[in-house]
Amino acid sequence: QVQLVESGGVLVQPGGSLRLSCAVSGIIFSIAKMGWYRQAPGNERELVASITRGGRTDYADSVKGRFTISRDNAKNTVYLQMNSLKPEDTAVYYCTSSRNYWGKGTLVTVAS
């Protein structure tokens, strides 16, 4: 059974930092392309960042320079380090493996 479990979403002030984690089981994590998507109320789900098995990364223009995706194959975990957070980053953040499997999401709220 494939499971992706996100954690780390909280209320944070603008300008703050947060690290999301996604623990993965049931797949060969080391060869999987992993990604983070987000969905704000009234909006479609959008790609935030992705990372290949070789470590190549890709980011949405809106988060470049602020967010960093990384992976720890020994822990079957993918991370999203978010810095300089803005209110428009408020959304439910989802972890995905090649868009075939999805977690249930974790809510990030950026507000003062």
N, C-alpha and C. Protein backbone atom coordinates (compact mmCIF):
# COMPACT_ATOMS: atom_id res chain seq x y z
N GLN A 1 0.85 -1.19 0.00
CA GLN A 1 0.00 0.00 0.00
C GLN A 1 0.88 1.25 0.00
N VAL A 2 0.62 2.13 -0.95
CA VAL A 2 1.40 3.35 -1.07
C VAL A 2 0.84 4.40 -0.12
N GLN A 3 1.72 5.03 0.63
CA GLN A 3 1.30 6.10 1.53
C GLN A 3 2.26 7.27 1.42
N LEU A 4 1.69 8.45 1.34
CA LEU A 4 2.44 9.69 1.39
C LEU A 4 1.81 10.53 2.50
N VAL A 5 2.60 10.88 3.49
CA VAL A 5 2.07 11.59 4.64
C VAL A 5 2.84 12.89 4.83
N GLU A 6 2.13 14.00 4.60
CA GLU A 6 2.73 15.31 4.77
C GLU A 6 2.63 15.78 6.21
N SER A 7 3.57 16.62 6.60
CA SER A 7 3.53 17.23 7.92
C SER A 7 4.27 18.56 7.87
N GLY A 8 4.02 19.38 8.89
CA GLY A 8 4.74 20.63 9.02
C GLY A 8 3.95 21.89 8.74
N GLY A 9 2.75 21.75 8.26
CA GLY A 9 1.94 22.92 7.96
C GLY A 9 1.41 23.57 9.24
N VAL A 10 1.60 24.87 9.33
CA VAL A 10 1.15 25.65 10.48
C VAL A 10 0.81 27.06 10.05
N LEU A 11 0.40 27.88 11.01
CA LEU A 11 0.23 29.31 10.81
C LEU A 11 1.59 29.97 11.03
N VAL A 12 2.01 30.80 10.06
CA VAL A 12 3.29 31.48 10.16
C VAL A 12 3.12 32.91 9.68
N GLN A 13 3.91 33.81 10.24
CA GLN A 13 3.82 35.21 9.86
C GLN A 13 4.50 35.47 8.53
N PRO A 14 4.07 36.50 7.82
CA PRO A 14 4.77 36.87 6.58
C PRO A 14 6.25 37.11 6.84
N GLY A 15 7.07 36.63 5.91
CA GLY A 15 8.51 36.73 6.08
C GLY A 15 9.12 35.56 6.82
N GLY A 16 8.29 34.72 7.37
CA GLY A 16 8.79 33.58 8.14
C GLY A 16 9.20 32.40 7.28
N SER A 17 9.65 31.36 7.96
CA SER A 17 10.11 30.15 7.28
C SER A 17 9.40 28.93 7.84
N LEU A 18 9.37 27.89 7.01
CA LEU A 18 8.69 26.66 7.38
C LEU A 18 9.29 25.53 6.57
N ARG A 19 9.35 24.34 7.17
CA ARG A 19 9.78 23.18 6.40
C ARG A 19 8.70 22.11 6.45
N LEU A 20 8.27 21.72 5.26
CA LEU A 20 7.31 20.63 5.14
C LEU A 20 8.07 19.32 4.89
N SER A 21 7.49 18.24 5.39
CA SER A 21 8.05 16.91 5.17
C SER A 21 6.99 16.01 4.59
N CYS A 22 7.43 15.05 3.82
CA CYS A 22 6.52 14.05 3.26
C CYS A 22 7.20 12.68 3.40
N ALA A 23 6.65 11.86 4.26
CA ALA A 23 7.16 10.51 4.46
C ALA A 23 6.46 9.55 3.51
N VAL A 24 7.24 8.77 2.80
CA VAL A 24 6.70 7.92 1.72
C VAL A 24 6.97 6.45 2.02
N SER A 25 5.98 5.63 1.75
CA SER A 25 6.16 4.18 1.88
C SER A 25 5.38 3.49 0.77
N GLY A 26 5.80 2.26 0.47
CA GLY A 26 5.08 1.46 -0.52
C GLY A 26 5.56 1.61 -1.95
N ILE A 27 6.54 2.45 -2.19
CA ILE A 27 7.15 2.57 -3.52
C ILE A 27 8.65 2.55 -3.36
N ILE A 28 9.34 2.37 -4.49
CA ILE A 28 10.80 2.45 -4.46
C ILE A 28 11.16 3.92 -4.52
N PHE A 29 11.27 4.50 -3.35
CA PHE A 29 11.40 5.95 -3.25
C PHE A 29 12.60 6.48 -4.01
N SER A 30 13.69 5.75 -3.97
CA SER A 30 14.94 6.28 -4.52
C SER A 30 14.88 6.54 -6.01
N ILE A 31 13.94 5.92 -6.71
CA ILE A 31 13.87 6.14 -8.16
C ILE A 31 12.66 6.98 -8.54
N ALA A 32 11.90 7.40 -7.56
CA ALA A 32 10.67 8.13 -7.84
C ALA A 32 10.94 9.62 -8.02
N LYS A 33 10.25 10.20 -8.98
CA LYS A 33 10.23 11.66 -9.09
C LYS A 33 9.19 12.16 -8.11
N MET A 34 9.59 13.10 -7.27
CA MET A 34 8.71 13.60 -6.23
C MET A 34 8.39 15.07 -6.47
N GLY A 35 7.25 15.47 -5.97
CA GLY A 35 6.86 16.85 -6.15
C GLY A 35 5.98 17.37 -5.04
N TRP A 36 5.94 18.67 -4.95
CA TRP A 36 5.01 19.38 -4.08
C TRP A 36 4.10 20.23 -4.94
N TYR A 37 2.80 20.11 -4.68
CA TYR A 37 1.79 20.95 -5.30
C TYR A 37 1.08 21.70 -4.18
N ARG A 38 0.36 22.73 -4.56
CA ARG A 38 -0.46 23.45 -3.58
C ARG A 38 -1.77 23.87 -4.23
N GLN A 39 -2.76 24.04 -3.36
CA GLN A 39 -4.07 24.47 -3.82
C GLN A 39 -4.64 25.46 -2.82
N ALA A 40 -4.84 26.67 -3.28
CA ALA A 40 -5.47 27.70 -2.46
C ALA A 40 -6.97 27.70 -2.73
N PRO A 41 -7.77 28.19 -1.78
CA PRO A 41 -9.22 28.21 -1.97
C PRO A 41 -9.61 28.91 -3.27
N GLY A 42 -10.42 28.24 -4.07
CA GLY A 42 -10.90 28.82 -5.31
C GLY A 42 -9.93 28.70 -6.47
N ASN A 43 -8.77 28.12 -6.20
CA ASN A 43 -7.76 27.99 -7.25
C ASN A 43 -7.54 26.53 -7.62
N GLU A 44 -6.95 26.32 -8.78
CA GLU A 44 -6.58 24.97 -9.17
C GLU A 44 -5.28 24.56 -8.47
N ARG A 45 -5.09 23.25 -8.38
CA ARG A 45 -3.85 22.76 -7.82
C ARG A 45 -2.69 23.11 -8.77
N GLU A 46 -1.60 23.59 -8.22
CA GLU A 46 -0.47 24.00 -9.05
C GLU A 46 0.84 23.41 -8.54
N LEU A 47 1.74 23.19 -9.48
CA LEU A 47 3.05 22.67 -9.12
C LEU A 47 3.85 23.74 -8.38
N VAL A 48 4.47 23.35 -7.28
CA VAL A 48 5.35 24.23 -6.54
C VAL A 48 6.80 23.89 -6.86
N ALA A 49 7.14 22.60 -6.72
CA ALA A 49 8.52 22.17 -6.95
C ALA A 49 8.54 20.68 -7.20
N SER A 50 9.57 20.23 -7.91
CA SER A 50 9.74 18.81 -8.15
C SER A 50 11.23 18.46 -8.08
N ILE A 51 11.48 17.18 -7.85
CA ILE A 51 12.87 16.72 -7.78
C ILE A 51 12.94 15.31 -8.36
N THR A 52 13.88 15.10 -9.27
CA THR A 52 14.03 13.80 -9.88
C THR A 52 14.86 12.89 -8.99
N ARG A 53 14.97 11.64 -9.39
CA ARG A 53 15.77 10.70 -8.60
C ARG A 53 17.23 11.10 -8.60
N GLY A 54 17.64 11.84 -9.63
CA GLY A 54 19.02 12.29 -9.71
C GLY A 54 19.27 13.60 -9.00
N GLY A 55 18.20 14.18 -8.45
CA GLY A 55 18.34 15.42 -7.71
C GLY A 55 18.11 16.69 -8.51
N ARG A 56 17.70 16.54 -9.77
CA ARG A 56 17.41 17.75 -10.54
C ARG A 56 16.09 18.35 -10.05
N THR A 57 16.11 19.64 -9.87
CA THR A 57 14.94 20.32 -9.31
C THR A 57 14.31 21.28 -10.31
N ASP A 58 13.03 21.55 -10.06
CA ASP A 58 12.30 22.50 -10.88
C ASP A 58 11.34 23.24 -9.97
N TYR A 59 11.14 24.53 -10.22
CA TYR A 59 10.31 25.35 -9.35
C TYR A 59 9.34 26.21 -10.14
N ALA A 60 8.20 26.49 -9.54
CA ALA A 60 7.31 27.50 -10.08
C ALA A 60 7.99 28.85 -9.96
N ASP A 61 7.72 29.72 -10.93
CA ASP A 61 8.35 31.04 -10.92
C ASP A 61 8.05 31.80 -9.63
N SER A 62 6.87 31.58 -9.08
CA SER A 62 6.44 32.33 -7.91
C SER A 62 7.22 31.98 -6.64
N VAL A 63 7.92 30.84 -6.66
CA VAL A 63 8.64 30.43 -5.45
C VAL A 63 10.15 30.34 -5.66
N LYS A 64 10.61 30.57 -6.87
CA LYS A 64 12.05 30.49 -7.13
C LYS A 64 12.83 31.46 -6.24
N GLY A 65 13.90 30.95 -5.66
CA GLY A 65 14.71 31.77 -4.77
C GLY A 65 14.22 31.79 -3.34
N ARG A 66 13.01 31.29 -3.10
CA ARG A 66 12.45 31.27 -1.74
C ARG A 66 12.27 29.85 -1.21
N PHE A 67 11.90 28.93 -2.09
CA PHE A 67 11.62 27.56 -1.68
C PHE A 67 12.72 26.63 -2.19
N THR A 68 12.98 25.58 -1.43
CA THR A 68 13.95 24.57 -1.83
C THR A 68 13.38 23.19 -1.56
N ILE A 69 13.37 22.38 -2.60
CA ILE A 69 12.94 20.99 -2.44
C ILE A 69 14.18 20.11 -2.31
N SER A 70 14.07 19.10 -1.45
CA SER A 70 15.18 18.17 -1.27
C SER A 70 14.62 16.80 -0.91
N ARG A 71 15.49 15.81 -0.95
CA ARG A 71 15.04 14.46 -0.63
C ARG A 71 16.12 13.73 0.15
N ASP A 72 15.68 12.82 1.00
CA ASP A 72 16.58 11.96 1.76
C ASP A 72 16.16 10.53 1.45
N ASN A 73 16.89 9.89 0.56
CA ASN A 73 16.50 8.55 0.13
C ASN A 73 16.64 7.53 1.26
N ALA A 74 17.52 7.79 2.21
CA ALA A 74 17.67 6.87 3.33
C ALA A 74 16.45 6.89 4.25
N LYS A 75 15.75 8.02 4.26
CA LYS A 75 14.57 8.17 5.12
C LYS A 75 13.27 8.12 4.34
N ASN A 76 13.35 7.92 3.01
CA ASN A 76 12.15 7.91 2.17
C ASN A 76 11.31 9.16 2.41
N THR A 77 11.96 10.29 2.43
CA THR A 77 11.29 11.54 2.76
C THR A 77 11.70 12.64 1.80
N VAL A 78 10.74 13.45 1.43
CA VAL A 78 11.00 14.63 0.62
C VAL A 78 10.60 15.86 1.44
N TYR A 79 11.36 16.92 1.28
CA TYR A 79 11.16 18.13 2.07
C TYR A 79 10.88 19.32 1.17
N LEU A 80 10.25 20.32 1.75
CA LEU A 80 10.09 21.61 1.09
C LEU A 80 10.42 22.68 2.12
N GLN A 81 11.57 23.31 1.94
CA GLN A 81 11.97 24.43 2.79
C GLN A 81 11.41 25.70 2.18
N MET A 82 10.62 26.41 2.96
CA MET A 82 9.97 27.62 2.47
C MET A 82 10.45 28.81 3.29
N ASN A 83 11.04 29.76 2.63
CA ASN A 83 11.53 30.97 3.27
C ASN A 83 10.82 32.19 2.71
N SER A 84 10.94 33.29 3.42
CA SER A 84 10.34 34.56 2.98
C SER A 84 8.88 34.35 2.56
N LEU A 85 8.14 33.71 3.41
CA LEU A 85 6.76 33.36 3.08
C LEU A 85 5.89 34.60 2.93
N LYS A 86 4.94 34.50 2.00
CA LYS A 86 4.02 35.58 1.70
C LYS A 86 2.59 35.10 1.94
N PRO A 87 1.67 36.02 2.16
CA PRO A 87 0.26 35.60 2.33
C PRO A 87 -0.25 34.78 1.14
N GLU A 88 0.22 35.08 -0.05
CA GLU A 88 -0.23 34.34 -1.23
C GLU A 88 0.31 32.91 -1.29
N ASP A 89 1.19 32.55 -0.37
CA ASP A 89 1.64 31.17 -0.27
C ASP A 89 0.66 30.31 0.54
N THR A 90 -0.33 30.94 1.11
CA THR A 90 -1.33 30.20 1.88
C THR A 90 -2.06 29.20 0.99
N ALA A 91 -2.05 27.94 1.40
CA ALA A 91 -2.65 26.89 0.59
C ALA A 91 -2.52 25.57 1.33
N VAL A 92 -3.21 24.57 0.82
CA VAL A 92 -2.95 23.20 1.23
C VAL A 92 -1.83 22.67 0.32
N TYR A 93 -0.79 22.14 0.92
CA TYR A 93 0.36 21.63 0.18
C TYR A 93 0.30 20.11 0.13
N TYR A 94 0.44 19.59 -1.08
CA TYR A 94 0.34 18.16 -1.31
C TYR A 94 1.67 17.61 -1.83
N CYS A 95 2.01 16.45 -1.35
CA CYS A 95 3.17 15.70 -1.82
C CYS A 95 2.68 14.68 -2.85
N THR A 96 3.46 14.48 -3.90
CA THR A 96 3.08 13.52 -4.91
C THR A 96 4.29 12.77 -5.45
N SER A 97 4.04 11.54 -5.84
CA SER A 97 5.03 10.74 -6.53
C SER A 97 4.60 10.62 -7.98
N SER A 98 5.27 11.36 -8.84
CA SER A 98 4.98 11.34 -10.28
C SER A 98 3.52 11.57 -10.60
N ARG A 99 2.83 12.23 -9.73
CA ARG A 99 1.41 12.53 -9.87
C ARG A 99 0.55 11.26 -9.96
N ASN A 100 1.14 10.14 -9.60
CA ASN A 100 0.36 8.90 -9.54
C ASN A 100 -0.22 8.68 -8.15
N TYR A 101 0.54 9.08 -7.15
CA TYR A 101 0.12 8.93 -5.76
C TYR A 101 0.21 10.29 -5.09
N TRP A 102 -0.75 10.52 -4.17
CA TRP A 102 -0.85 11.82 -3.50
C TRP A 102 -1.06 11.62 -2.02
N GLY A 103 -0.52 12.58 -1.25
CA GLY A 103 -0.85 12.63 0.15
C GLY A 103 -2.15 13.38 0.36
N LYS A 104 -2.56 13.51 1.63
CA LYS A 104 -3.82 14.19 1.93
C LYS A 104 -3.64 15.69 2.10
N GLY A 105 -2.40 16.12 2.18
CA GLY A 105 -2.14 17.55 2.25
C GLY A 105 -1.91 18.07 3.65
N THR A 106 -1.23 19.20 3.73
CA THR A 106 -1.00 19.89 4.99
C THR A 106 -1.22 21.38 4.74
N LEU A 107 -1.92 22.02 5.66
CA LEU A 107 -2.33 23.42 5.48
C LEU A 107 -1.24 24.36 5.96
N VAL A 108 -0.85 25.27 5.06
CA VAL A 108 0.07 26.35 5.40
C VAL A 108 -0.70 27.67 5.31
N THR A 109 -0.69 28.39 6.41
CA THR A 109 -1.36 29.69 6.46
C THR A 109 -0.33 30.75 6.79
N VAL A 110 -0.23 31.75 5.92
CA VAL A 110 0.70 32.84 6.13
C VAL A 110 -0.11 34.10 6.42
N ALA A 111 -0.05 34.55 7.65
CA ALA A 111 -0.85 35.69 8.07
C ALA A 111 -0.26 36.28 9.33
N SER A 112 -0.50 37.59 9.50
CA SER A 112 0.02 38.25 10.71
C SER A 112 -1.03 38.27 11.81
